Amino acid sequence: MIGVIYDDAYLEHRPPRNHVENPGRAMAVIKSISDVAVIERPINDVDYWLLKVHDRDYVRWIDENCEMGDVFIDADTYVSPGTCRAARLAVGAVLSGVDKVLSGEWNAAYAVVRPPGHHVGRVGKALMAPTQGFCIFNNVVVGAVYALERGISRVAILDIDVHHGNGTQEIFYRDPRVLYVSLHQDPLTIYPGTGFIDDVGEGEGEGFNVNIPLPPFTADDAYMRALGNVVWPIIDEFKPQLILVSLGFDAHMLDSIANLRLSLNTYAHVFRRLRDMIGKVRGVVFALEGGYNSDVLSRGSRLLIDIMSNRDVEVNEGVTQTEPRVMARVNSIIKDVINVHRNYWHLA
């Protein structure tokens, strides 16, 4: 069973002017799944866990900006009077999802949250990124820390947002308990400009950070090749007890903020593969990150609920094909990733 964690407070995180990250995103998702999903509220009291991830001065700075209201804290990222409550409840949704799957009540959870989180490091901007990329608190990272302190010893974070999760990489870069795997558009072509193949982790965490930077116009066939040759073998070998997914629908071909060409067939493949892991893992918690096309958010979220509920569904989109020049580049990248991570994992 998959359940949904959601709160109307997410709609109170409102941009001062037109912005792609707006309340309509969450509204589109909930409208598409409310008739088929069990929806519960997030945990309210999260500051203890929040401060295990983020610096106290950073949290205080965010709170001060919320009191000012309707301001941009950098070129991309805004806060409004309702942001601090929404951001805390976004963290609380992931914590609730972890609770549900660890208790065995649900096999999977979908935290339909905003603001998103994976670009935020301990003190805000991460790995010298120019902005926080619409993010306030790192929802998935707090969820991973929460799971670790509840006795889980191995957590895998799979990040399929089109942008690299620089905040997530920064925070867990030296931690072997957390495997971070990110597929994202080539950082030389898109924000935040991080997430290179040679970023493998440091110290005890070496080998537990896996970046697969894909060129613009990568389509379903090439993306699934990267999943099959790198992602699934490494996750299987790591043997996580819990999987957290930074779920961005912005790698879809209809999303205007980036340049990958995925259809929902790739998302369906990911959802089915993760569903089939349940039993080997305690559960899977999905947290909404990016995705700025309302129709894709709606259909993709409904697809997630249906597949994780073992309902047979068809994807009403054709599988996209990568043009030969781009595919050659993807093959070269996959080869480079395998050569680097063969030092840590059994890759063919």
Protein backbone atom coordinates (compact mmCIF):
# COMPACT_ATOMS: atom_id res chain seq x y z
CA MET A 1 0.00 0.00 0.00
CA ILE A 2 1.13 3.55 -0.75
CA GLY A 3 -0.21 6.51 1.19
CA VAL A 4 0.12 10.24 0.65
CA ILE A 5 1.25 12.88 3.12
CA TYR A 6 -0.03 16.38 2.38
CA ASP A 7 -1.14 19.61 4.07
CA ASP A 8 -2.91 22.67 2.65
CA ALA A 9 -0.22 24.75 4.38
CA TYR A 10 1.94 24.04 1.31
CA LEU A 11 -0.34 26.39 -0.63
CA GLU A 12 0.62 29.25 1.70
CA HIS A 13 4.19 29.28 0.38
CA ARG A 14 3.35 31.95 -2.19
CA PRO A 15 5.65 33.76 -4.60
CA PRO A 16 5.72 37.58 -4.49
CA ARG A 17 5.45 37.57 -8.29
CA ASN A 18 5.14 35.01 -11.09
CA HIS A 19 7.29 31.97 -10.37
CA VAL A 20 7.39 28.42 -11.72
CA GLU A 21 7.48 27.02 -8.17
CA ASN A 22 3.99 28.02 -7.08
CA PRO A 23 0.97 26.59 -5.20
CA GLY A 24 -0.59 25.31 -8.41
CA ARG A 25 1.99 22.51 -8.49
CA ALA A 26 0.73 20.84 -5.31
CA MET A 27 -2.89 21.53 -6.24
CA ALA A 28 -2.43 19.73 -9.56
CA VAL A 29 -0.98 16.67 -7.84
CA ILE A 30 -3.62 16.39 -5.13
CA LYS A 31 -6.47 16.89 -7.59
CA SER A 32 -5.17 13.99 -9.68
CA ILE A 33 -4.81 11.48 -6.82
CA SER A 34 -7.36 12.43 -4.16
CA ASP A 35 -9.88 9.86 -5.40
CA VAL A 36 -7.44 6.92 -5.19
CA ALA A 37 -5.07 7.74 -2.33
CA VAL A 38 -5.16 7.64 1.44
CA ILE A 39 -4.06 11.14 2.46
CA GLU A 40 -2.71 11.90 5.92
CA ARG A 41 -1.21 14.96 7.59
CA PRO A 42 2.49 15.48 8.30
CA ILE A 43 4.23 15.60 11.66
CA ASN A 44 4.10 19.14 13.09
CA ASP A 45 7.01 19.29 15.53
CA VAL A 46 10.19 18.92 13.47
CA ASP A 47 12.69 21.45 14.84
CA TYR A 48 14.69 18.84 16.78
CA TRP A 49 15.31 16.93 13.54
CA LEU A 50 15.68 20.05 11.43
CA LEU A 51 18.58 21.21 13.60
CA LYS A 52 20.33 17.87 13.19
CA VAL A 53 20.76 18.80 9.51
CA HIS A 54 20.71 22.59 9.25
CA ASP A 55 22.76 25.14 11.13
CA ARG A 56 20.77 26.96 13.82
CA ASP A 57 21.76 30.36 12.43
CA TYR A 58 20.49 29.37 9.00
CA VAL A 59 17.10 28.28 10.39
CA ARG A 60 16.90 31.53 12.38
CA TRP A 61 17.68 33.53 9.22
CA ILE A 62 14.88 31.78 7.33
CA ASP A 63 12.47 32.49 10.20
CA GLU A 64 13.43 36.16 10.20
CA ASN A 65 12.77 36.40 6.47
CA CYS A 66 9.38 34.75 6.88
CA GLU A 67 8.49 37.41 9.44
CA MET A 68 9.40 40.08 6.88
CA GLY A 69 7.32 38.23 4.30
CA ASP A 70 7.20 38.28 0.50
CA VAL A 71 10.92 38.62 -0.17
CA PHE A 72 13.43 36.90 -2.40
CA ILE A 73 16.36 35.54 -0.39
CA ASP A 74 18.34 35.03 -3.60
CA ALA A 75 17.75 35.36 -7.34
CA ASP A 76 15.59 32.19 -7.47
CA THR A 77 14.25 31.52 -3.99
CA TYR A 78 11.51 33.38 -2.14
CA VAL A 79 9.81 33.32 1.23
CA SER A 80 6.34 34.52 2.16
CA PRO A 81 4.59 34.74 5.55
CA GLY A 82 3.41 31.15 5.13
CA THR A 83 6.75 29.72 4.02
CA CYS A 84 8.20 28.73 7.40
CA ARG A 85 5.16 26.66 8.35
CA ALA A 86 5.01 25.10 4.89
CA ALA A 87 8.73 24.28 4.92
CA ARG A 88 8.57 22.68 8.35
CA LEU A 89 5.55 20.64 7.34
CA ALA A 90 7.39 19.58 4.18
CA VAL A 91 10.06 18.11 6.45
CA GLY A 92 7.29 16.66 8.62
CA ALA A 93 5.72 14.90 5.64
CA VAL A 94 8.91 12.98 4.91
CA LEU A 95 9.25 12.08 8.60
CA SER A 96 5.64 10.85 8.59
CA GLY A 97 6.35 8.80 5.48
CA VAL A 98 9.37 7.20 7.14
CA ASP A 99 7.25 6.40 10.21
CA LYS A 100 4.54 4.79 8.09
CA VAL A 101 6.88 2.49 6.18
CA LEU A 102 9.06 1.57 9.16
CA SER A 103 5.97 0.66 11.18
CA GLY A 104 4.81 -1.56 8.32
CA GLU A 105 1.52 0.33 7.97
CA TRP A 106 2.44 1.34 4.41
CA ASN A 107 4.89 -0.13 1.91
CA ALA A 108 5.48 3.27 0.34
CA ALA A 109 4.69 6.92 0.95
CA TYR A 110 4.43 9.96 -1.31
CA ALA A 111 5.16 13.29 0.38
CA VAL A 112 3.44 15.85 -1.86
CA VAL A 113 5.36 18.82 -0.51
CA ARG A 114 6.57 22.28 -1.30
CA PRO A 115 8.90 24.04 -1.00
CA PRO A 116 11.28 21.42 -2.41
CA GLY A 117 14.57 20.69 -0.68
CA HIS A 118 17.45 18.89 -2.37
CA HIS A 119 19.49 21.99 -3.23
CA VAL A 120 19.88 23.12 0.39
CA GLY A 121 23.01 22.32 2.37
CA ARG A 122 23.63 22.82 6.07
CA VAL A 123 23.71 26.60 5.81
CA GLY A 124 21.68 27.24 2.67
CA LYS A 125 23.52 27.46 -0.65
CA ALA A 126 25.50 24.26 -1.20
CA LEU A 127 28.72 23.47 -3.06
CA MET A 128 29.11 27.11 -4.16
CA ALA A 129 25.82 27.10 -6.09
CA PRO A 130 24.63 30.63 -6.91
CA THR A 131 21.20 30.17 -5.27
CA GLN A 132 19.14 27.72 -3.21
CA GLY A 133 17.12 26.71 -6.27
CA PHE A 134 13.64 27.30 -4.77
CA CYS A 135 14.51 25.20 -1.67
CA ILE A 136 14.28 26.08 2.04
CA PHE A 137 15.01 22.93 4.10
CA ASN A 138 16.36 19.62 2.78
CA ASN A 139 13.31 17.44 3.34
CA VAL A 140 14.83 14.16 2.16
CA VAL A 141 18.06 14.60 4.09
CA VAL A 142 16.18 15.22 7.33
CA GLY A 143 14.14 12.10 6.58
CA ALA A 144 17.31 10.06 6.09
CA VAL A 145 18.82 11.30 9.36
CA TYR A 146 15.56 10.50 11.12
CA ALA A 147 15.59 6.95 9.74
CA LEU A 148 19.22 6.43 10.75
CA GLU A 149 18.49 7.51 14.30
CA ARG A 150 15.51 5.16 14.38
CA GLY A 151 17.84 2.21 13.81
CA ILE A 152 18.09 1.96 10.01
CA SER A 153 21.73 1.38 9.12
CA ARG A 154 21.67 1.81 5.31
CA VAL A 155 19.61 4.38 3.42
CA ALA A 156 19.68 4.87 -0.35
CA ILE A 157 18.64 8.22 -1.78
CA LEU A 158 17.73 8.07 -5.48
CA ASP A 159 17.49 11.54 -7.02
CA ILE A 160 15.74 11.68 -10.39
CA ASP A 161 15.13 15.41 -10.46
CA VAL A 162 16.65 16.94 -13.61
CA HIS A 163 18.94 19.07 -11.42
CA HIS A 164 21.71 17.69 -9.23
CA GLY A 165 20.90 17.60 -5.52
CA ASN A 166 23.93 19.56 -4.41
CA GLY A 167 22.64 19.99 -0.87
CA THR A 168 22.09 16.26 -0.44
CA GLN A 169 25.55 15.48 -1.81
CA GLU A 170 27.19 18.05 0.45
CA ILE A 171 25.58 16.80 3.65
CA PHE A 172 26.21 13.07 3.15
CA TYR A 173 29.52 13.25 1.28
CA ARG A 174 31.49 11.57 4.09
CA ASP A 175 28.77 9.22 5.35
CA PRO A 176 28.89 5.53 4.28
CA ARG A 177 25.46 4.85 5.77
CA VAL A 178 23.80 6.82 2.96
CA LEU A 179 24.18 5.95 -0.71
CA TYR A 180 23.35 8.98 -2.84
CA VAL A 181 22.66 8.30 -6.53
CA SER A 182 21.72 11.17 -8.83
CA LEU A 183 20.83 11.17 -12.51
CA HIS A 184 20.70 14.74 -13.77
CA GLN A 185 21.33 16.97 -16.74
CA ASP A 186 25.00 17.78 -17.40
CA PRO A 187 26.00 20.41 -14.79
CA LEU A 188 27.86 22.37 -17.46
CA THR A 189 24.48 23.09 -19.06
CA ILE A 190 22.15 23.71 -16.12
CA TYR A 191 21.81 24.88 -12.51
CA PRO A 192 23.38 24.23 -10.00
CA GLY A 193 26.57 23.45 -11.91
CA THR A 194 27.48 20.52 -9.65
CA GLY A 195 27.33 16.73 -9.79
CA PHE A 196 30.35 15.46 -11.71
CA ILE A 197 31.37 11.83 -12.18
CA ASP A 198 34.51 12.16 -10.06
CA ASP A 199 32.52 13.36 -7.03
CA VAL A 200 32.49 9.98 -5.31
CA GLY A 201 32.52 10.95 -1.63
CA GLU A 202 35.34 11.41 0.86
CA GLY A 203 36.79 9.51 3.78
CA GLU A 204 34.50 6.73 4.94
CA GLY A 205 31.93 7.98 2.44
CA GLU A 206 34.13 7.38 -0.59
CA GLY A 207 32.23 5.39 -3.20
CA PHE A 208 28.82 6.19 -1.76
CA ASN A 209 28.16 9.24 -3.95
CA VAL A 210 27.23 8.38 -7.53
CA ASN A 211 26.61 11.06 -10.14
CA ILE A 212 25.39 10.33 -13.66
CA PRO A 213 25.41 13.64 -15.59
CA LEU A 214 23.45 13.24 -18.82
CA PRO A 215 23.67 15.50 -21.89
CA PRO A 216 20.74 17.62 -23.03
CA PHE A 217 18.23 15.70 -25.18
CA THR A 218 18.83 12.39 -23.40
CA ALA A 219 15.62 10.39 -23.93
CA ASP A 220 14.01 7.27 -22.43
CA ASP A 221 16.22 4.65 -24.06
CA ALA A 222 19.48 6.24 -22.93
CA TYR A 223 18.23 7.08 -19.42
CA MET A 224 17.04 3.51 -18.90
CA ARG A 225 20.43 2.26 -20.04
CA ALA A 226 22.04 4.33 -17.28
CA LEU A 227 19.56 2.92 -14.78
CA GLY A 228 20.18 -0.66 -15.88
CA ASN A 229 23.96 -0.49 -16.13
CA VAL A 230 24.74 1.65 -13.09
CA VAL A 231 21.90 2.60 -10.78
CA TRP A 232 20.09 -0.66 -10.10
CA PRO A 233 23.28 -2.76 -9.76
CA ILE A 234 24.76 -0.35 -7.21
CA ILE A 235 21.57 -0.06 -5.19
CA ASP A 236 21.15 -3.84 -5.21
CA GLU A 237 24.71 -4.33 -3.99
CA PHE A 238 24.35 -1.66 -1.29
CA LYS A 239 21.31 -3.51 0.09
CA PRO A 240 19.49 -0.52 1.57
CA GLN A 241 16.94 -1.03 4.29
CA LEU A 242 15.06 2.10 3.20
CA ILE A 243 14.93 4.03 -0.08
CA LEU A 244 14.14 7.73 -0.27
CA VAL A 245 13.41 9.23 -3.69
CA SER A 246 13.90 12.87 -4.60
CA LEU A 247 11.15 12.82 -7.20
CA GLY A 248 11.41 15.52 -9.83
CA PHE A 249 9.16 15.42 -12.88
CA ASP A 250 11.25 18.13 -14.55
CA ALA A 251 13.24 15.60 -16.61
CA HIS A 252 10.08 15.11 -18.69
CA MET A 253 10.18 16.31 -22.29
CA LEU A 254 7.29 18.75 -21.71
CA ASP A 255 8.98 20.57 -18.83
CA SER A 256 10.28 23.94 -19.97
CA ILE A 257 12.90 24.42 -17.25
CA ALA A 258 15.40 21.84 -18.57
CA ASN A 259 16.41 19.85 -21.65
CA LEU A 260 16.02 16.11 -21.03
CA ARG A 261 13.44 14.27 -23.14
CA LEU A 262 11.95 11.64 -20.88
CA SER A 263 8.41 10.41 -21.23
CA LEU A 264 6.40 8.99 -18.34
CA ASN A 265 7.54 5.54 -19.52
CA THR A 266 10.84 6.09 -17.74
CA TYR A 267 9.08 7.18 -14.56
CA ALA A 268 6.87 4.10 -14.77
CA HIS A 269 9.97 1.92 -15.08
CA VAL A 270 11.48 3.53 -11.98
CA PHE A 271 8.26 3.14 -9.99
CA ARG A 272 7.90 -0.54 -10.97
CA ARG A 273 11.51 -1.32 -10.14
CA LEU A 274 11.20 0.31 -6.73
CA ARG A 275 7.87 -1.43 -6.09
CA ASP A 276 9.52 -4.75 -6.82
CA MET A 277 12.23 -4.02 -4.24
CA ILE A 278 9.71 -3.88 -1.42
CA GLY A 279 10.33 -6.92 0.71
CA LYS A 280 14.06 -6.55 0.27
CA VAL A 281 13.71 -3.03 1.68
CA ARG A 282 11.44 -1.86 4.47
CA GLY A 283 9.78 0.64 2.16
CA VAL A 284 10.14 3.53 -0.25
CA VAL A 285 9.41 7.19 0.51
CA PHE A 286 8.97 9.56 -2.43
CA ALA A 287 9.28 13.31 -1.84
CA LEU A 288 8.25 15.79 -4.52
CA GLU A 289 11.09 18.02 -5.70
CA GLY A 290 10.83 19.71 -9.13
CA GLY A 291 8.41 19.46 -12.01
CA TYR A 292 6.75 22.55 -13.42
CA ASN A 293 4.27 21.28 -16.01
CA SER A 294 0.94 20.78 -14.26
CA ASP A 295 -0.26 18.09 -16.64
CA VAL A 296 2.92 16.05 -16.21
CA LEU A 297 2.78 16.47 -12.43
CA SER A 298 -0.83 15.25 -12.45
CA ARG A 299 -0.35 12.27 -14.73
CA GLY A 300 3.01 11.31 -13.23
CA SER A 301 1.69 11.38 -9.68
CA ARG A 302 -1.35 9.32 -10.62
CA LEU A 303 0.99 6.86 -12.33
CA LEU A 304 3.04 6.58 -9.14
CA ILE A 305 -0.01 5.83 -7.00
CA ASP A 306 -1.38 3.29 -9.47
CA ILE A 307 1.88 1.39 -9.93
CA MET A 308 2.74 1.31 -6.23
CA SER A 309 -0.81 0.05 -5.61
CA ASN A 310 -0.26 -2.84 -8.07
CA ARG A 311 -2.80 -1.52 -10.53
CA ASP A 312 -2.17 -2.31 -14.20
CA VAL A 313 -1.85 0.96 -16.06
CA GLU A 314 -0.74 2.07 -19.49
CA VAL A 315 1.39 5.12 -20.17
CA ASN A 316 -0.28 7.16 -22.88
CA GLU A 317 3.01 8.40 -24.29
CA GLY A 318 5.42 6.78 -26.71
CA VAL A 319 8.91 5.82 -25.56
CA THR A 320 11.30 8.57 -26.61
CA GLN A 321 14.45 7.80 -28.59
CA THR A 322 17.83 9.47 -28.19
CA GLU A 323 19.43 10.68 -31.40
CA PRO A 324 22.68 8.84 -32.27
CA ARG A 325 25.04 11.71 -31.49
CA VAL A 326 23.58 12.16 -28.01
CA MET A 327 23.43 8.40 -27.42
CA ALA A 328 27.15 8.13 -28.20
CA ARG A 329 27.79 10.75 -25.53
CA VAL A 330 25.55 8.92 -23.04
CA ASN A 331 27.37 5.65 -23.69
CA SER A 332 30.69 7.38 -23.05
CA ILE A 333 29.39 8.84 -19.78
CA ILE A 334 28.06 5.46 -18.62
CA LYS A 335 31.44 3.92 -19.41
CA ASP A 336 33.22 6.64 -17.42
CA VAL A 337 30.88 6.22 -14.44
CA ILE A 338 31.45 2.45 -14.48
CA ASN A 339 35.23 2.88 -14.70
CA VAL A 340 35.21 5.23 -11.70
CA HIS A 341 32.81 3.21 -9.55
CA ARG A 342 34.28 -0.16 -10.37
CA ASN A 343 36.66 0.71 -7.55
CA TYR A 344 33.74 0.43 -5.12
CA TRP A 345 31.04 -1.73 -6.74
CA HIS A 346 30.81 -4.84 -8.90
CA LEU A 347 29.84 -3.30 -12.23
CA ALA A 348 30.04 -5.12 -15.53
